[in-house]
Protein backbone atom coordinates (compact mmCIF):
# COMPACT_ATOMS: atom_id res chain seq x y z
CA UNK A 1 0.00 0.00 0.00
CA UNK A 2 2.75 2.43 0.95
CA UNK A 3 4.64 1.63 -2.27
CA UNK A 4 1.54 2.47 -4.30
CA UNK A 5 1.25 5.88 -2.64
CA UNK A 6 4.95 6.66 -2.98
CA UNK A 7 5.02 5.39 -6.58
CA UNK A 8 2.03 7.52 -7.57
CA UNK A 9 3.53 10.65 -5.99
CA UNK A 10 6.88 10.03 -7.70
CA UNK A 11 5.16 9.66 -11.07
CA UNK A 12 3.09 12.84 -10.59
CA UNK A 13 6.12 14.87 -9.54
CA UNK A 14 8.09 13.44 -12.46
CA UNK A 15 5.36 14.45 -14.90
CA UNK A 16 5.25 17.96 -13.43
CA UNK A 17 9.01 18.40 -13.70
CA UNK A 18 9.16 16.77 -17.14
CA UNK A 19 6.41 18.88 -18.68
CA UNK A 20 6.96 22.25 -16.92
CA UNK A 21 10.53 22.54 -15.57
CA UNK A 22 10.84 26.32 -15.85
CA UNK A 23 7.56 27.04 -14.07
CA UNK A 24 8.75 24.95 -11.12
CA UNK A 25 12.06 26.80 -11.08
CA UNK A 26 10.34 30.21 -11.25
CA UNK A 27 7.98 29.25 -8.44
CA UNK A 28 10.92 28.27 -6.25
CA UNK A 29 12.65 31.60 -6.99
CA UNK A 30 9.61 33.60 -5.87
CA UNK A 31 9.29 31.87 -2.50
CA UNK A 32 10.88 33.40 0.57
CA UNK A 33 13.81 31.67 2.21
CA UNK A 34 11.71 30.37 5.09
CA UNK A 35 8.99 28.93 2.84
CA UNK A 36 11.58 27.38 0.54
CA UNK A 37 13.28 25.73 3.49
CA UNK A 38 9.95 24.13 4.34
CA UNK A 39 9.49 22.88 0.78
CA UNK A 40 13.00 21.42 0.62
CA UNK A 41 12.59 19.92 4.09
CA UNK A 42 9.37 18.20 2.97
CA UNK A 43 11.07 16.95 -0.21
CA UNK A 44 13.98 15.58 1.83
CA UNK A 45 11.61 13.83 4.21
CA UNK A 46 9.66 12.33 1.32
CA UNK A 47 12.79 11.05 -0.42
CA UNK A 48 14.16 9.64 2.84
CA UNK A 49 10.81 8.02 3.61
CA UNK A 50 10.75 6.39 0.20
CA UNK A 51 14.26 5.00 0.58
CA UNK A 52 13.59 3.78 4.14
CA UNK A 53 10.33 2.14 3.08
CA UNK A 54 11.97 0.41 0.13
CA UNK A 55 14.96 -0.77 2.18
CA UNK A 56 12.78 -2.00 5.02
CA UNK A 57 10.52 -4.19 2.85
CA UNK A 58 12.98 -5.97 0.57
CA UNK A 59 15.83 -8.38 1.19
CA UNK A 60 19.31 -8.05 -0.23
CA UNK A 61 22.29 -5.79 -0.12
CA UNK A 62 21.09 -2.95 -2.33
CA UNK A 63 17.81 -2.35 -0.44
CA UNK A 64 19.70 -2.34 2.87
CA UNK A 65 22.16 0.18 1.43
CA UNK A 66 19.19 2.32 0.38
CA UNK A 67 17.84 2.01 3.93
CA UNK A 68 21.08 3.40 5.35
CA UNK A 69 21.10 6.21 2.76
CA UNK A 70 17.50 7.01 3.67
CA UNK A 71 18.34 7.26 7.37
CA UNK A 72 21.31 9.52 6.61
CA UNK A 73 19.06 11.61 4.35
CA UNK A 74 16.53 11.94 7.16
CA UNK A 75 19.15 13.41 9.47
CA UNK A 76 20.42 15.62 6.63
CA UNK A 77 16.90 16.96 6.06
CA UNK A 78 16.62 17.81 9.75
CA UNK A 79 19.95 19.64 9.65
CA UNK A 80 18.91 21.47 6.47
CA UNK A 81 16.31 23.48 8.38
CA UNK A 82 18.97 25.50 10.18
CA UNK A 83 22.03 24.99 7.98
CA UNK A 84 23.92 27.78 6.27
CA UNK A 85 24.43 25.67 3.18
CA UNK A 86 20.79 26.27 2.26
CA UNK A 87 21.60 29.60 0.58
CA UNK A 88 24.20 27.95 -1.64
CA UNK A 89 21.70 25.22 -2.52
CA UNK A 90 19.10 27.83 -3.47
CA UNK A 91 21.56 29.73 -5.64
CA UNK A 92 22.60 26.50 -7.35
CA UNK A 93 19.00 25.47 -8.05
CA UNK A 94 18.36 28.76 -9.86
CA UNK A 95 21.12 28.00 -12.38
CA UNK A 96 20.06 24.48 -13.40
CA UNK A 97 19.18 24.28 -17.13
CA UNK A 98 15.71 22.95 -18.05
CA UNK A 99 17.17 19.92 -19.85
CA UNK A 100 18.72 18.68 -16.61
CA UNK A 101 15.39 19.18 -14.84
CA UNK A 102 13.62 17.17 -17.53
CA UNK A 103 16.12 14.33 -17.17
CA UNK A 104 15.48 14.42 -13.43
CA UNK A 105 11.73 14.29 -14.07
CA UNK A 106 12.19 11.21 -16.23
CA UNK A 107 14.21 9.59 -13.43
CA UNK A 108 11.43 10.43 -10.93
CA UNK A 109 8.91 8.75 -13.19
CA UNK A 110 11.15 5.67 -13.51
CA UNK A 111 11.41 5.43 -9.72
CA UNK A 112 7.63 5.71 -9.41
CA UNK A 113 7.00 3.02 -12.03
CA UNK A 114 9.53 0.78 -10.33
CA UNK A 115 7.80 1.25 -6.95
CA UNK A 116 4.39 0.45 -8.46
CA UNK A 117 5.50 -2.68 -10.33
CA UNK A 118 8.02 -4.19 -7.91
CA UNK A 119 6.07 -6.02 -5.20
CA UNK A 120 7.62 -7.91 -2.25
C-alpha atoms as a PDB file:
ATOM      1  CA  UNK A   1       0.000   0.000   0.000  1.00  0.00           C
ATOM      2  CA  UNK A   2       2.755   2.429   0.947  1.00  0.00           C
ATOM      3  CA  UNK A   3       4.640   1.625  -2.266  1.00  0.00           C
ATOM      4  CA  UNK A   4       1.540   2.473  -4.303  1.00  0.00           C
ATOM      5  CA  UNK A   5       1.249   5.877  -2.638  1.00  0.00           C
ATOM      6  CA  UNK A   6       4.951   6.656  -2.976  1.00  0.00           C
ATOM      7  CA  UNK A   7       5.024   5.391  -6.575  1.00  0.00           C
ATOM      8  CA  UNK A   8       2.035   7.516  -7.569  1.00  0.00           C
ATOM      9  CA  UNK A   9       3.527  10.648  -5.992  1.00  0.00           C
ATOM     10  CA  UNK A  10       6.879  10.029  -7.698  1.00  0.00           C
ATOM     11  CA  UNK A  11       5.159   9.663 -11.067  1.00  0.00           C
ATOM     12  CA  UNK A  12       3.092  12.836 -10.595  1.00  0.00           C
ATOM     13  CA  UNK A  13       6.123  14.870  -9.539  1.00  0.00           C
ATOM     14  CA  UNK A  14       8.091  13.436 -12.460  1.00  0.00           C
ATOM     15  CA  UNK A  15       5.362  14.450 -14.901  1.00  0.00           C
ATOM     16  CA  UNK A  16       5.250  17.957 -13.434  1.00  0.00           C
ATOM     17  CA  UNK A  17       9.010  18.396 -13.697  1.00  0.00           C
ATOM     18  CA  UNK A  18       9.163  16.767 -17.138  1.00  0.00           C
ATOM     19  CA  UNK A  19       6.405  18.883 -18.675  1.00  0.00           C
ATOM     20  CA  UNK A  20       6.965  22.245 -16.924  1.00  0.00           C
ATOM     21  CA  UNK A  21      10.526  22.542 -15.572  1.00  0.00           C
ATOM     22  CA  UNK A  22      10.837  26.322 -15.853  1.00  0.00           C
ATOM     23  CA  UNK A  23       7.558  27.036 -14.071  1.00  0.00           C
ATOM     24  CA  UNK A  24       8.745  24.955 -11.123  1.00  0.00           C
ATOM     25  CA  UNK A  25      12.060  26.800 -11.083  1.00  0.00           C
ATOM     26  CA  UNK A  26      10.336  30.209 -11.246  1.00  0.00           C
ATOM     27  CA  UNK A  27       7.984  29.251  -8.443  1.00  0.00           C
ATOM     28  CA  UNK A  28      10.918  28.271  -6.246  1.00  0.00           C
ATOM     29  CA  UNK A  29      12.654  31.596  -6.995  1.00  0.00           C
ATOM     30  CA  UNK A  30       9.610  33.598  -5.869  1.00  0.00           C
ATOM     31  CA  UNK A  31       9.291  31.873  -2.503  1.00  0.00           C
ATOM     32  CA  UNK A  32      10.885  33.401   0.567  1.00  0.00           C
ATOM     33  CA  UNK A  33      13.810  31.674   2.214  1.00  0.00           C
ATOM     34  CA  UNK A  34      11.714  30.369   5.091  1.00  0.00           C
ATOM     35  CA  UNK A  35       8.990  28.934   2.840  1.00  0.00           C
ATOM     36  CA  UNK A  36      11.582  27.380   0.544  1.00  0.00           C
ATOM     37  CA  UNK A  37      13.276  25.727   3.487  1.00  0.00           C
ATOM     38  CA  UNK A  38       9.954  24.133   4.341  1.00  0.00           C
ATOM     39  CA  UNK A  39       9.489  22.877   0.780  1.00  0.00           C
ATOM     40  CA  UNK A  40      12.999  21.422   0.617  1.00  0.00           C
ATOM     41  CA  UNK A  41      12.587  19.915   4.087  1.00  0.00           C
ATOM     42  CA  UNK A  42       9.370  18.201   2.968  1.00  0.00           C
ATOM     43  CA  UNK A  43      11.068  16.954  -0.211  1.00  0.00           C
ATOM     44  CA  UNK A  44      13.977  15.580   1.827  1.00  0.00           C
ATOM     45  CA  UNK A  45      11.613  13.833   4.210  1.00  0.00           C
ATOM     46  CA  UNK A  46       9.663  12.331   1.319  1.00  0.00           C
ATOM     47  CA  UNK A  47      12.794  11.052  -0.423  1.00  0.00           C
ATOM     48  CA  UNK A  48      14.156   9.640   2.836  1.00  0.00           C
ATOM     49  CA  UNK A  49      10.809   8.017   3.610  1.00  0.00           C
ATOM     50  CA  UNK A  50      10.745   6.386   0.204  1.00  0.00           C
ATOM     51  CA  UNK A  51      14.256   4.996   0.578  1.00  0.00           C
ATOM     52  CA  UNK A  52      13.591   3.776   4.137  1.00  0.00           C
ATOM     53  CA  UNK A  53      10.326   2.139   3.078  1.00  0.00           C
ATOM     54  CA  UNK A  54      11.974   0.412   0.130  1.00  0.00           C
ATOM     55  CA  UNK A  55      14.958  -0.766   2.183  1.00  0.00           C
ATOM     56  CA  UNK A  56      12.778  -2.002   5.017  1.00  0.00           C
ATOM     57  CA  UNK A  57      10.521  -4.188   2.846  1.00  0.00           C
ATOM     58  CA  UNK A  58      12.980  -5.967   0.573  1.00  0.00           C
ATOM     59  CA  UNK A  59      15.834  -8.376   1.187  1.00  0.00           C
ATOM     60  CA  UNK A  60      19.308  -8.049  -0.233  1.00  0.00           C
ATOM     61  CA  UNK A  61      22.293  -5.794  -0.123  1.00  0.00           C
ATOM     62  CA  UNK A  62      21.094  -2.954  -2.334  1.00  0.00           C
ATOM     63  CA  UNK A  63      17.810  -2.350  -0.442  1.00  0.00           C
ATOM     64  CA  UNK A  64      19.700  -2.342   2.870  1.00  0.00           C
ATOM     65  CA  UNK A  65      22.165   0.182   1.432  1.00  0.00           C
ATOM     66  CA  UNK A  66      19.194   2.324   0.381  1.00  0.00           C
ATOM     67  CA  UNK A  67      17.835   2.010   3.930  1.00  0.00           C
ATOM     68  CA  UNK A  68      21.079   3.404   5.349  1.00  0.00           C
ATOM     69  CA  UNK A  69      21.097   6.205   2.755  1.00  0.00           C
ATOM     70  CA  UNK A  70      17.498   7.014   3.675  1.00  0.00           C
ATOM     71  CA  UNK A  71      18.345   7.264   7.374  1.00  0.00           C
ATOM     72  CA  UNK A  72      21.310   9.517   6.609  1.00  0.00           C
ATOM     73  CA  UNK A  73      19.058  11.613   4.347  1.00  0.00           C
ATOM     74  CA  UNK A  74      16.534  11.945   7.161  1.00  0.00           C
ATOM     75  CA  UNK A  75      19.153  13.410   9.466  1.00  0.00           C
ATOM     76  CA  UNK A  76      20.418  15.622   6.632  1.00  0.00           C
ATOM     77  CA  UNK A  77      16.897  16.964   6.056  1.00  0.00           C
ATOM     78  CA  UNK A  78      16.616  17.809   9.747  1.00  0.00           C
ATOM     79  CA  UNK A  79      19.949  19.640   9.648  1.00  0.00           C
ATOM     80  CA  UNK A  80      18.910  21.467   6.465  1.00  0.00           C
ATOM     81  CA  UNK A  81      16.309  23.475   8.380  1.00  0.00           C
ATOM     82  CA  UNK A  82      18.968  25.502  10.177  1.00  0.00           C
ATOM     83  CA  UNK A  83      22.030  24.985   7.985  1.00  0.00           C
ATOM     84  CA  UNK A  84      23.923  27.779   6.274  1.00  0.00           C
ATOM     85  CA  UNK A  85      24.426  25.668   3.182  1.00  0.00           C
ATOM     86  CA  UNK A  86      20.789  26.271   2.255  1.00  0.00           C
ATOM     87  CA  UNK A  87      21.595  29.599   0.584  1.00  0.00           C
ATOM     88  CA  UNK A  88      24.200  27.949  -1.637  1.00  0.00           C
ATOM     89  CA  UNK A  89      21.697  25.224  -2.524  1.00  0.00           C
ATOM     90  CA  UNK A  90      19.097  27.830  -3.472  1.00  0.00           C
ATOM     91  CA  UNK A  91      21.562  29.733  -5.643  1.00  0.00           C
ATOM     92  CA  UNK A  92      22.597  26.504  -7.353  1.00  0.00           C
ATOM     93  CA  UNK A  93      18.998  25.473  -8.047  1.00  0.00           C
ATOM     94  CA  UNK A  94      18.357  28.764  -9.855  1.00  0.00           C
ATOM     95  CA  UNK A  95      21.120  28.003 -12.380  1.00  0.00           C
ATOM     96  CA  UNK A  96      20.064  24.481 -13.396  1.00  0.00           C
ATOM     97  CA  UNK A  97      19.178  24.279 -17.126  1.00  0.00           C
ATOM     98  CA  UNK A  98      15.708  22.954 -18.054  1.00  0.00           C
ATOM     99  CA  UNK A  99      17.165  19.919 -19.851  1.00  0.00           C
ATOM    100  CA  UNK A 100      18.724  18.679 -16.614  1.00  0.00           C
ATOM    101  CA  UNK A 101      15.395  19.176 -14.836  1.00  0.00           C
ATOM    102  CA  UNK A 102      13.618  17.167 -17.534  1.00  0.00           C
ATOM    103  CA  UNK A 103      16.116  14.334 -17.175  1.00  0.00           C
ATOM    104  CA  UNK A 104      15.481  14.417 -13.433  1.00  0.00           C
ATOM    105  CA  UNK A 105      11.730  14.291 -14.072  1.00  0.00           C
ATOM    106  CA  UNK A 106      12.189  11.211 -16.234  1.00  0.00           C
ATOM    107  CA  UNK A 107      14.214   9.593 -13.430  1.00  0.00           C
ATOM    108  CA  UNK A 108      11.435  10.431 -10.931  1.00  0.00           C
ATOM    109  CA  UNK A 109       8.910   8.747 -13.190  1.00  0.00           C
ATOM    110  CA  UNK A 110      11.152   5.671 -13.512  1.00  0.00           C
ATOM    111  CA  UNK A 111      11.414   5.434  -9.716  1.00  0.00           C
ATOM    112  CA  UNK A 112       7.632   5.705  -9.410  1.00  0.00           C
ATOM    113  CA  UNK A 113       7.002   3.024 -12.029  1.00  0.00           C
ATOM    114  CA  UNK A 114       9.529   0.776 -10.327  1.00  0.00           C
ATOM    115  CA  UNK A 115       7.795   1.246  -6.954  1.00  0.00           C
ATOM    116  CA  UNK A 116       4.391   0.449  -8.464  1.00  0.00           C
ATOM    117  CA  UNK A 117       5.495  -2.682 -10.332  1.00  0.00           C
ATOM    118  CA  UNK A 118       8.021  -4.190  -7.907  1.00  0.00           C
ATOM    119  CA  UNK A 119       6.066  -6.018  -5.195  1.00  0.00           C
ATOM    120  CA  UNK A 120       7.617  -7.909  -2.246  1.00  0.00           C
END
